[in-house]
Amino acid sequence: MTQIFSIGIAGLKAAEQRVSIAAQNIANTQSAGYVRLRPEQVSQGGHPVVTARPDAGVAPFDGLADDLVSMRIAQHSHSASAAIIRTGDEMTRRVLDLFA
């Protein structure tokens, strides 16, 4: 049962990292010499993990739309991960009610 919570928390952390990368890219749009970072989500031990990869082929301003889309993806990922945690909590309560 605790695995469902760790999956949900890992999803929340992945969404947070995705937002952080997009925010860093947006904040540095006009910084000279800044190389955009691209979020890359992989599975590690069955849990989602987001890493930042340099995106040297794109000028900082040209990737602004990508960053806004990435933030929207993170919003949906965050909502889905929170729903996983809520579902796990509800399942735990129901199991405890069976034994009460």
Protein backbone atom coordinates (compact mmCIF):
# COMPACT_ATOMS: atom_id res chain seq x y z
CA MET A 1 0.00 0.00 0.00
CA THR A 2 2.86 2.41 0.72
CA GLN A 3 4.15 1.98 -2.84
CA ILE A 4 1.17 3.91 -4.18
CA PHE A 5 2.13 6.86 -1.99
CA SER A 6 5.77 6.76 -3.08
CA ILE A 7 4.67 6.69 -6.74
CA GLY A 8 2.41 9.69 -6.16
CA ILE A 9 5.12 11.62 -4.33
CA ALA A 10 7.66 10.82 -7.06
CA GLY A 11 5.18 12.16 -9.62
CA LEU A 12 4.77 15.37 -7.62
CA LYS A 13 8.54 15.79 -7.44
CA ALA A 14 8.88 15.17 -11.19
CA ALA A 15 6.24 17.83 -11.91
CA GLU A 16 8.02 20.24 -9.58
CA GLN A 17 11.33 19.65 -11.37
CA ARG A 18 9.69 20.19 -14.77
CA VAL A 19 8.28 23.56 -13.60
CA SER A 20 11.65 24.52 -12.15
CA ILE A 21 13.43 23.86 -15.45
CA ALA A 22 10.82 25.79 -17.45
CA ALA A 23 10.95 28.71 -15.02
CA GLN A 24 14.74 28.81 -15.24
CA ASN A 25 14.55 28.86 -19.03
CA ILE A 26 11.94 31.65 -19.03
CA ALA A 27 13.88 33.71 -16.49
CA ASN A 28 17.05 33.45 -18.59
CA THR A 29 15.42 34.07 -21.98
CA GLN A 30 17.47 37.21 -22.56
CA SER A 31 20.62 36.16 -20.70
CA ALA A 32 23.68 36.18 -22.94
CA GLY A 33 25.28 32.77 -23.31
CA TYR A 34 22.48 30.90 -21.53
CA VAL A 35 21.85 27.41 -22.88
CA ARG A 36 18.26 26.27 -22.48
CA LEU A 37 17.59 23.15 -20.47
CA ARG A 38 15.17 20.52 -21.67
CA PRO A 39 13.28 18.38 -19.15
CA GLU A 40 13.61 14.67 -19.79
CA GLN A 41 11.36 12.31 -17.86
CA VAL A 42 12.52 8.75 -17.34
CA SER A 43 11.48 5.90 -15.10
CA GLN A 44 13.85 4.95 -12.31
CA GLY A 45 12.84 1.99 -10.22
CA GLY A 46 9.28 2.32 -11.51
CA HIS A 47 9.08 5.98 -10.46
CA PRO A 48 9.15 9.04 -12.73
CA VAL A 49 12.28 11.19 -12.53
CA VAL A 50 12.89 14.41 -14.46
CA THR A 51 16.41 15.42 -15.41
CA ALA A 52 17.61 18.57 -17.17
CA ARG A 53 19.48 18.20 -20.45
CA PRO A 54 21.11 21.07 -22.34
CA ASP A 55 19.14 22.02 -25.44
CA ALA A 56 21.96 23.69 -27.35
CA GLY A 57 20.17 23.62 -30.70
CA VAL A 58 17.52 26.17 -29.69
CA ALA A 59 18.00 29.84 -28.90
CA PRO A 60 16.57 30.76 -25.46
CA PHE A 61 13.72 32.88 -26.84
CA ASP A 62 12.77 30.32 -29.50
CA GLY A 63 11.99 27.75 -26.81
CA LEU A 64 9.55 29.94 -24.89
CA ALA A 65 6.50 28.12 -26.30
CA ASP A 66 8.10 24.79 -25.35
CA ASP A 67 8.58 26.03 -21.80
CA LEU A 68 4.95 27.13 -21.52
CA VAL A 69 3.80 23.74 -22.81
CA SER A 70 6.15 22.04 -20.35
CA MET A 71 4.57 23.99 -17.50
CA ARG A 72 1.11 22.89 -18.64
CA ILE A 73 2.28 19.26 -18.78
CA ALA A 74 3.65 19.65 -15.25
CA GLN A 75 0.29 21.01 -14.09
CA HIS A 76 -1.54 17.93 -15.40
CA SER A 77 1.15 15.60 -14.04
CA HIS A 78 0.84 17.24 -10.63
CA SER A 79 -2.95 16.82 -10.66
CA ALA A 80 -2.65 13.15 -11.66
CA SER A 81 -0.06 12.46 -8.96
CA ALA A 82 -2.21 14.15 -6.32
CA ALA A 83 -5.14 11.98 -7.45
CA ILE A 84 -2.97 8.87 -6.97
CA ILE A 85 -2.22 9.93 -3.40
CA ARG A 86 -5.89 10.68 -2.69
CA THR A 87 -6.90 7.29 -4.11
CA GLY A 88 -4.28 5.53 -1.98
CA ASP A 89 -5.52 7.38 1.08
CA GLU A 90 -9.11 6.37 0.35
CA MET A 91 -8.10 2.74 -0.20
CA THR A 92 -6.20 2.73 3.09
CA ARG A 93 -9.22 4.14 4.93
CA ARG A 94 -11.52 1.51 3.43
CA VAL A 95 -9.18 -1.32 4.41
CA LEU A 96 -8.96 0.05 7.95
CA ASP A 97 -12.76 0.31 8.08
CA LEU A 98 -13.00 -3.38 7.17
CA PHE A 99 -10.97 -4.31 10.24
CA ALA A 100 -12.59 -1.82 12.61
